[in-house]
Protein backbone atom coordinates (compact mmCIF):
# COMPACT_ATOMS: atom_id res chain seq x y z
CA MET A 1 21.89 -31.72 0.29
CA THR A 2 21.29 -33.20 -3.15
CA PHE A 3 23.76 -32.70 -5.98
CA THR A 4 21.28 -30.40 -7.76
CA GLU A 5 20.99 -28.21 -4.65
CA GLU A 6 24.77 -28.24 -4.24
CA PHE A 7 25.20 -27.22 -7.89
CA ALA A 8 22.66 -24.38 -7.51
CA GLN A 9 24.42 -23.17 -4.35
CA ALA A 10 27.79 -23.21 -6.12
CA LEU A 11 26.26 -21.15 -8.95
CA ARG A 12 25.07 -18.55 -6.42
CA HIS A 13 28.54 -18.47 -4.87
CA GLN A 14 30.06 -17.80 -8.32
CA ARG A 15 28.44 -14.34 -8.15
CA MET A 16 30.27 -13.55 -4.91
CA LEU A 17 33.85 -12.64 -4.09
CA MET A 18 35.26 -15.13 -1.56
CA LYS A 19 38.78 -15.94 -0.49
CA HIS A 20 37.77 -19.48 0.46
CA ARG A 21 35.16 -21.31 -1.60
CA PRO A 22 32.94 -23.64 0.48
CA ASP A 23 31.85 -25.73 -2.54
CA ARG A 24 33.45 -29.00 -3.52
CA LEU A 25 36.05 -28.86 -6.30
CA ARG A 26 34.19 -31.26 -8.60
CA VAL A 27 31.03 -29.10 -8.45
CA ARG A 28 32.99 -25.96 -9.32
CA ALA A 29 34.82 -27.85 -12.09
CA LEU A 30 31.46 -28.93 -13.55
CA ILE A 31 30.31 -25.29 -13.66
CA TYR A 32 33.43 -24.28 -15.59
CA LEU A 33 33.00 -27.27 -17.92
CA VAL A 34 29.41 -26.27 -18.69
CA TRP A 35 30.56 -22.73 -19.48
CA LEU A 36 33.43 -24.00 -21.64
CA VAL A 37 31.30 -26.38 -23.74
CA GLY A 38 28.32 -24.02 -23.93
CA PHE A 39 30.25 -20.99 -25.15
CA GLY A 40 32.42 -23.13 -27.45
CA PHE A 41 29.39 -24.58 -29.22
CA LEU A 42 27.59 -21.22 -29.32
CA PHE A 43 30.40 -19.35 -31.07
CA ALA A 44 31.22 -22.30 -33.33
CA ILE A 45 27.60 -22.34 -34.50
CA ILE A 46 27.57 -18.56 -35.04
CA ASN A 47 30.81 -18.77 -37.04
CA GLY A 48 29.50 -21.76 -39.01
CA VAL A 49 26.34 -19.88 -39.96
CA GLN A 50 28.34 -16.83 -41.06
CA SER A 51 30.81 -18.88 -43.12
CA GLY A 52 28.26 -21.34 -44.48
CA ARG A 53 30.26 -24.33 -43.17
CA LEU A 54 27.93 -25.30 -40.31
CA GLY A 55 27.72 -29.10 -40.10
CA SER A 56 30.36 -29.72 -42.78
CA ALA A 57 33.41 -31.91 -42.29
CA ASN A 58 35.65 -28.82 -42.09
CA TRP A 59 33.36 -27.38 -39.39
CA TRP A 60 33.60 -30.54 -37.28
CA ARG A 61 37.35 -30.99 -37.82
CA GLY A 62 38.46 -27.37 -37.64
CA ASP A 63 35.94 -24.75 -36.54
CA LEU A 64 34.40 -26.61 -33.60
CA PRO A 65 37.71 -27.80 -32.02
CA GLY A 66 39.20 -24.34 -32.60
CA HIS A 67 36.32 -22.57 -30.85
CA MET A 68 36.46 -25.11 -28.01
CA LEU A 69 40.14 -24.26 -27.57
CA VAL A 70 39.36 -20.53 -27.54
CA SER A 71 36.54 -21.14 -25.04
CA LEU A 72 38.97 -23.12 -22.87
CA CYS A 73 41.42 -20.20 -22.87
CA VAL A 74 38.64 -17.73 -22.00
CA THR A 75 37.45 -19.98 -19.13
CA VAL A 76 40.99 -20.30 -17.77
CA CYS A 77 41.44 -16.52 -17.97
CA PHE A 78 38.18 -16.03 -16.06
CA PHE A 79 39.34 -18.46 -13.38
CA ILE A 80 42.78 -16.86 -13.06
CA GLY A 81 41.40 -13.31 -13.19
CA PHE A 82 38.65 -13.68 -10.60
CA ARG A 83 40.37 -16.17 -8.29
CA GLY A 84 43.62 -14.22 -8.51
CA PHE A 85 41.81 -11.02 -7.54
CA GLU A 86 40.06 -12.80 -4.64
CA ARG A 87 43.31 -14.23 -3.33
CA LEU A 88 45.47 -11.12 -3.74
CA ALA A 89 43.01 -8.36 -2.81
CA PRO A 90 42.62 -7.47 0.89
CA GLN A 91 39.45 -8.78 2.53
CA ARG A 92 38.19 -5.22 3.06
CA TRP A 93 38.20 -4.71 -0.74
CA LEU A 94 36.11 -7.84 -1.27
CA ASP A 95 33.69 -6.76 1.46
CA MET A 96 33.45 -3.27 -0.01
CA ILE A 97 32.74 -4.53 -3.56
CA THR A 98 30.21 -7.09 -2.30
CA GLY A 99 28.47 -4.34 -0.35
CA TRP A 100 28.01 -2.08 -3.40
CA ARG A 101 24.33 -1.62 -4.24
CA ASP A 102 24.60 0.70 -7.27
CA TRP A 103 26.19 0.99 -10.73
CA ARG A 104 29.66 0.37 -9.32
CA SER A 105 29.01 -3.34 -8.86
CA GLY A 106 27.93 -3.84 -12.48
CA ALA A 107 30.81 -1.69 -13.74
CA PHE A 108 33.40 -3.68 -11.77
CA PHE A 109 32.20 -7.14 -12.80
CA SER A 110 31.61 -6.06 -16.42
CA THR A 111 35.10 -4.55 -16.74
CA LEU A 112 36.81 -7.58 -15.24
CA SER A 113 34.71 -9.97 -17.36
CA VAL A 114 35.41 -8.11 -20.62
CA THR A 115 39.15 -7.97 -19.80
CA CYS A 116 39.29 -11.72 -19.09
CA SER A 117 37.29 -12.45 -22.26
CA LEU A 118 39.52 -10.38 -24.54
CA THR A 119 42.67 -11.86 -23.04
CA GLY A 120 41.32 -15.39 -23.44
CA VAL A 121 40.24 -14.77 -27.06
CA VAL A 122 43.68 -13.43 -28.03
CA ILE A 123 45.49 -16.33 -26.34
CA GLY A 124 43.04 -18.84 -27.79
CA PHE A 125 43.42 -17.70 -31.40
CA ALA A 126 47.19 -17.58 -30.97
CA ALA A 127 47.00 -21.23 -29.88
CA VAL A 128 44.77 -22.04 -32.90
CA ASP A 129 47.42 -20.43 -35.15
CA ARG A 130 50.14 -22.61 -33.69
CA ILE A 131 48.22 -25.91 -33.52
CA TRP A 132 46.45 -25.69 -36.89
CA GLN A 133 49.43 -23.85 -38.48
CA GLN A 134 47.30 -21.01 -39.74
CA GLU A 135 50.01 -18.38 -39.71
CA GLY A 136 48.74 -14.84 -39.40
CA MET A 137 45.17 -15.83 -38.53
CA LEU A 138 45.27 -13.93 -35.24
CA SER A 139 46.63 -10.72 -36.78
CA ARG A 140 44.10 -10.90 -39.65
CA LEU A 141 41.27 -11.46 -37.16
CA LEU A 142 42.29 -8.57 -34.93
CA ALA A 143 42.52 -6.31 -37.99
CA LYS A 144 38.89 -6.98 -38.97
CA PRO A 145 36.41 -4.29 -37.86
CA GLY A 146 33.73 -6.97 -37.81
CA PHE A 147 35.54 -8.87 -35.04
CA TRP A 148 35.67 -5.81 -32.81
CA ALA A 149 32.04 -4.96 -33.61
CA GLN A 150 30.98 -8.48 -32.55
CA PHE A 151 33.12 -8.36 -29.44
CA LEU A 152 31.74 -4.92 -28.51
CA ALA A 153 28.16 -6.11 -29.07
CA ILE A 154 28.69 -9.20 -26.92
CA SER A 155 30.35 -7.08 -24.19
CA VAL A 156 27.40 -4.66 -24.17
CA ILE A 157 24.94 -7.56 -23.94
CA VAL A 158 26.90 -9.13 -21.07
CA THR A 159 27.10 -5.77 -19.28
CA VAL A 160 23.34 -5.21 -19.62
CA ILE A 161 22.56 -8.73 -18.41
CA ILE A 162 24.88 -8.36 -15.40
CA GLY A 163 23.35 -4.96 -14.58
CA LEU A 164 19.79 -6.33 -14.78
CA ARG A 165 20.69 -9.34 -12.65
CA TYR A 166 22.21 -7.21 -9.93
CA ARG A 167 19.32 -4.76 -10.06
CA ALA A 168 16.84 -7.64 -9.63
CA ARG A 169 18.91 -9.01 -6.74
CA TRP A 170 18.99 -5.63 -4.99
CA LYS A 171 15.21 -5.29 -5.33
CA GLN A 172 14.77 -8.79 -3.91
CA GLU A 173 17.07 -7.96 -0.99
CA MET A 174 15.12 -4.76 -0.24
CA LEU A 175 11.85 -6.68 -0.29
CA GLN A 176 13.36 -9.37 1.95
CA ALA A 177 14.55 -6.67 4.34
CA ARG A 178 11.01 -5.30 4.67
CA VAL A 179 9.57 -8.78 5.23
CA THR A 180 12.26 -9.55 7.80
CA GLU A 181 11.64 -6.33 9.72
CA ALA A 182 7.92 -7.14 9.79
CA GLN A 183 8.72 -10.62 11.12
CA LEU A 184 10.97 -9.09 13.76
CA LYS A 185 8.24 -6.74 14.97
CA LEU A 186 5.79 -9.65 15.11
CA LEU A 187 8.28 -11.79 17.00
CA GLN A 188 9.11 -8.97 19.38
CA GLY A 189 5.40 -8.33 19.90
CA GLN A 190 5.07 -11.95 21.02
CA ILE A 191 8.14 -11.95 23.26
CA GLU A 192 7.84 -8.60 25.04
CA PRO A 193 4.49 -9.24 26.86
CA HIS A 194 5.73 -12.64 28.05
CA PHE A 195 8.97 -11.12 29.34
CA LEU A 196 7.06 -8.20 30.87
CA PHE A 197 4.56 -10.39 32.76
CA ASN A 198 7.26 -12.76 34.04
CA THR A 199 9.36 -9.89 35.37
CA LEU A 200 6.41 -8.20 37.08
CA ALA A 201 5.36 -11.54 38.58
CA ASN A 202 8.88 -11.95 40.00
CA VAL A 203 8.72 -8.43 41.47
CA GLN A 204 5.33 -9.14 43.02
CA SER A 205 6.53 -12.39 44.60
CA LEU A 206 9.53 -10.61 46.15
CA ILE A 207 7.67 -7.64 47.64
CA ASP A 208 6.51 -9.47 50.80
CA PHE A 209 9.69 -11.29 51.86
CA ASP A 210 12.50 -9.38 50.09
CA PRO A 211 11.31 -5.83 49.31
CA GLU A 212 14.85 -4.52 48.79
CA ARG A 213 15.51 -7.07 46.05
CA ALA A 214 12.09 -6.36 44.51
CA LYS A 215 12.98 -2.68 44.41
CA ARG A 216 16.29 -3.38 42.67
CA MET A 217 14.58 -5.66 40.15
CA LEU A 218 12.02 -2.97 39.36
CA GLU A 219 14.82 -0.41 38.91
CA ARG A 220 16.71 -2.73 36.56
CA PHE A 221 13.53 -3.45 34.64
CA THR A 222 12.94 0.30 34.23
CA ASP A 223 16.50 0.68 32.95
CA TYR A 224 15.91 -2.12 30.44
CA LEU A 225 12.66 -0.58 29.18
CA ARG A 226 14.31 2.82 28.85
CA ALA A 227 17.16 1.30 26.82
CA SER A 228 15.03 -0.97 24.62
CA LEU A 229 11.88 0.95 23.75
CA GLY A 230 13.70 3.66 21.84
CA GLN A 231 15.51 1.07 19.75
CA LEU A 232 12.35 -0.80 18.81
CA ARG A 233 10.92 2.35 17.23
CA GLY A 234 13.97 3.07 15.07
CA GLU A 235 15.43 1.53 11.92
CA SER A 236 18.91 1.26 13.40
CA THR A 237 20.85 1.61 16.62
CA THR A 238 24.50 1.85 17.62
CA LEU A 239 26.74 -0.68 19.28
CA ALA A 240 26.89 1.56 22.36
CA GLN A 241 23.07 1.53 22.63
CA GLU A 242 22.94 -2.22 22.02
CA PHE A 243 25.48 -2.84 24.78
CA ALA A 244 23.59 -0.49 27.13
CA MET A 245 20.45 -2.55 26.58
CA LEU A 246 22.39 -5.78 27.12
CA GLU A 247 23.82 -4.38 30.36
CA ALA A 248 20.32 -3.56 31.64
CA TYR A 249 18.95 -6.93 30.55
CA LEU A 250 21.82 -8.90 32.10
CA ALA A 251 21.56 -6.92 35.34
CA LEU A 252 17.93 -7.98 35.50
CA MET A 253 18.89 -11.61 34.84
CA GLN A 254 21.56 -11.43 37.55
CA LEU A 255 18.94 -10.39 40.10
CA ARG A 256 16.88 -13.41 39.08
CA MET A 257 19.74 -15.95 38.95
CA GLY A 258 21.94 -14.42 41.66
CA GLU A 259 25.54 -15.62 41.81
CA ARG A 260 24.80 -18.29 39.20
CA LEU A 261 25.16 -15.68 36.44
CA ARG A 262 28.39 -13.83 35.78
CA VAL A 263 28.71 -11.21 33.02
CA GLN A 264 31.44 -9.60 30.92
CA LEU A 265 30.74 -6.86 28.37
CA MET A 266 33.67 -5.51 26.34
CA LEU A 267 33.11 -2.72 23.78
CA PRO A 268 36.13 -0.70 22.57
CA PRO A 269 35.31 3.04 22.50
CA GLU A 270 36.22 3.36 18.81
CA LEU A 271 33.45 0.89 17.87
CA ALA A 272 30.69 2.49 19.98
CA GLY A 273 29.20 4.55 17.13
CA ILE A 274 28.88 1.74 14.56
CA GLU A 275 25.29 1.43 13.36
CA LEU A 276 23.42 -1.86 13.08
CA PRO A 277 19.81 -3.07 13.11
CA PRO A 278 18.18 -3.10 16.56
CA LEU A 279 17.87 -6.30 18.60
CA LEU A 280 20.63 -8.06 16.69
CA VAL A 281 22.63 -9.28 19.70
CA GLN A 282 20.10 -9.63 22.52
CA PRO A 283 18.42 -12.80 21.15
CA LEU A 284 21.84 -14.48 21.20
CA VAL A 285 22.34 -13.46 24.85
CA GLU A 286 18.86 -14.76 25.72
CA ASN A 287 19.68 -18.09 24.04
CA ALA A 288 22.98 -18.31 25.92
CA ILE A 289 21.21 -17.87 29.27
CA HIS A 290 18.10 -19.91 28.56
CA HIS A 291 19.70 -22.89 26.81
CA GLY A 292 23.26 -22.76 28.12
CA LEU A 293 23.39 -21.45 31.70
CA GLU A 294 19.99 -21.71 33.40
CA PRO A 295 19.86 -25.52 33.10
CA LYS A 296 23.24 -25.79 34.88
CA ILE A 297 23.07 -25.92 38.66
CA ALA A 298 26.27 -23.91 38.94
CA GLY A 299 25.24 -21.43 36.24
CA GLY A 300 28.11 -19.79 34.41
CA GLU A 301 29.35 -16.74 32.54
CA VAL A 302 28.08 -14.78 29.53
CA ARG A 303 30.73 -12.79 27.69
CA VAL A 304 29.86 -10.29 24.93
CA THR A 305 32.72 -8.69 23.00
CA ALA A 306 33.14 -6.55 19.88
CA CYS A 307 36.32 -6.11 17.86
CA ARG A 308 37.74 -5.44 14.41
CA GLU A 309 39.19 -8.33 12.42
CA GLY A 310 40.51 -7.76 8.92
CA GLY A 311 38.31 -4.70 8.45
CA ALA A 312 35.15 -6.54 9.54
CA LEU A 313 33.19 -6.06 12.77
CA ILE A 314 33.08 -9.19 14.95
CA VAL A 315 30.54 -9.48 17.78
CA ASP A 316 30.88 -12.62 19.94
CA VAL A 317 28.38 -13.90 22.49
CA GLU A 318 30.04 -16.68 24.52
CA ASP A 319 28.85 -18.83 27.39
CA ASP A 320 30.41 -21.71 29.31
CA GLY A 321 27.12 -23.56 29.56
CA GLN A 322 25.86 -26.89 28.26
CA GLY A 323 27.00 -26.46 24.66
CA LEU A 324 25.38 -27.03 21.29
CA ASP A 325 24.88 -30.79 21.76
CA ALA A 326 22.94 -30.50 25.02
CA PRO A 327 19.17 -31.17 24.96
CA LYS A 328 17.14 -27.99 24.67
CA ARG A 329 14.76 -26.98 27.47
CA ARG A 330 12.05 -26.44 24.88
CA ALA A 331 11.91 -27.13 21.18
CA GLY A 332 12.61 -24.06 19.07
CA ASN A 333 11.98 -23.42 15.41
CA GLY A 334 15.12 -21.31 14.91
CA MET A 335 13.08 -18.24 13.97
CA ALA A 336 15.22 -15.82 15.98
CA LEU A 337 18.51 -17.08 14.47
CA GLY A 338 17.02 -17.19 10.96
CA ASN A 339 15.72 -13.67 11.48
CA ILE A 340 19.17 -12.39 12.44
CA ARG A 341 20.77 -14.06 9.41
CA ALA A 342 18.14 -12.64 7.05
CA ARG A 343 18.58 -9.13 8.42
CA LEU A 344 22.37 -9.35 8.11
CA THR A 345 22.12 -10.51 4.50
CA ALA A 346 19.52 -7.89 3.61
CA ARG A 347 21.65 -5.03 4.94
CA TRP A 348 25.23 -6.10 4.14
CA GLY A 349 24.94 -8.95 1.65
CA PRO A 350 25.95 -12.62 1.91
CA THR A 351 29.34 -11.95 3.51
CA ALA A 352 27.61 -10.80 6.73
CA THR A 353 27.14 -13.99 8.73
CA LEU A 354 25.99 -15.52 12.01
CA GLU A 355 27.73 -18.72 13.07
CA LEU A 356 27.21 -20.93 16.13
CA GLN A 357 30.43 -22.62 17.20
CA PRO A 358 31.46 -24.89 20.07
CA ARG A 359 33.56 -22.91 22.52
CA GLU A 360 36.97 -24.21 23.55
CA GLY A 361 36.65 -25.49 27.11
CA GLY A 362 32.90 -26.05 26.79
CA GLY A 363 29.92 -23.92 25.96
CA THR A 364 28.87 -22.03 22.85
CA ARG A 365 30.08 -19.07 20.82
CA SER A 366 27.65 -17.12 18.61
CA ARG A 367 29.64 -14.98 16.20
CA ILE A 368 28.26 -12.14 14.08
CA ARG A 369 30.57 -10.95 11.32
CA ILE A 370 29.72 -7.72 9.48
CA PRO A 371 31.98 -6.65 6.58
CA SER A 372 33.08 -3.04 6.24
CA ALA A 373 30.93 -1.86 9.16
CA ALA A 374 31.51 1.83 9.85
């Protein structure tokens, strides 16, 4: 990643509430420095135009350094205010605020921004009073109606800009959600016939020499179709329905792989009714079997679990197969994983994630984390 891309990513992260920032400290410091210098110059120029001192020696020696000091205090207040809130607030609060898709998001960020700005301005002018020995400057400034009119106008402009930005982002997310759902249906339309023909071919090959096993495979395949077709036609499903489909799918895979495939499914009853987009977990199970377990002579175990962690829903798909570093049986373009990530972001925002991790003891863990799922 180039520095420009890293800087742009850090800027995007500045619009999110995170307890742990993934960006390097020097990149974040550069963002704050740009804000500090930019706002310092802007307000020094505005004040210089109003007073008629713009470009004069007094402007360079007094007004510009003074506004830079005020801008520094405002920047520090922003850092303390937002980072303090992120560190002290429970994770469920951060997830809830990030998940807002209406006026509440703009109201929250506008209120916190205006509060930090006012605090920084008051502290900054108090520091200007002390350093430049301009006794009473702060009290005279706060007594001027013009100061409050300017501050109110700037606050309204900032609030409108924040509201428009979030509105544009929500529209983009809704559009991305529609595109992602269309991609999913296209992908599923490509996968289902292949899976259907392979299963029927397996049934046909078993009819002559193992009719009992062929019968069981056909029964499991019917169970899978019954569980999956209803989900494909809907906008959402529940964890209980998703696990029922996984159970039918894995039972079918067990008939094909025999004792080489072992399965564990763990869904607490209190999480069964949580809604989520359909076919969110099954592609991860398919990857675990196809890339992790089928290439191993001894096979292995697939374990799917759901739990609550800090208010968020965690769904883990684990296997004790070849692991992330093993060569893939066929080259993939990552469309299924990218599709899952896009659908998570479109529905719950950037704090909903999919991570692939090496599993302790060997194998792979695919972890879906959904904030404030209910």
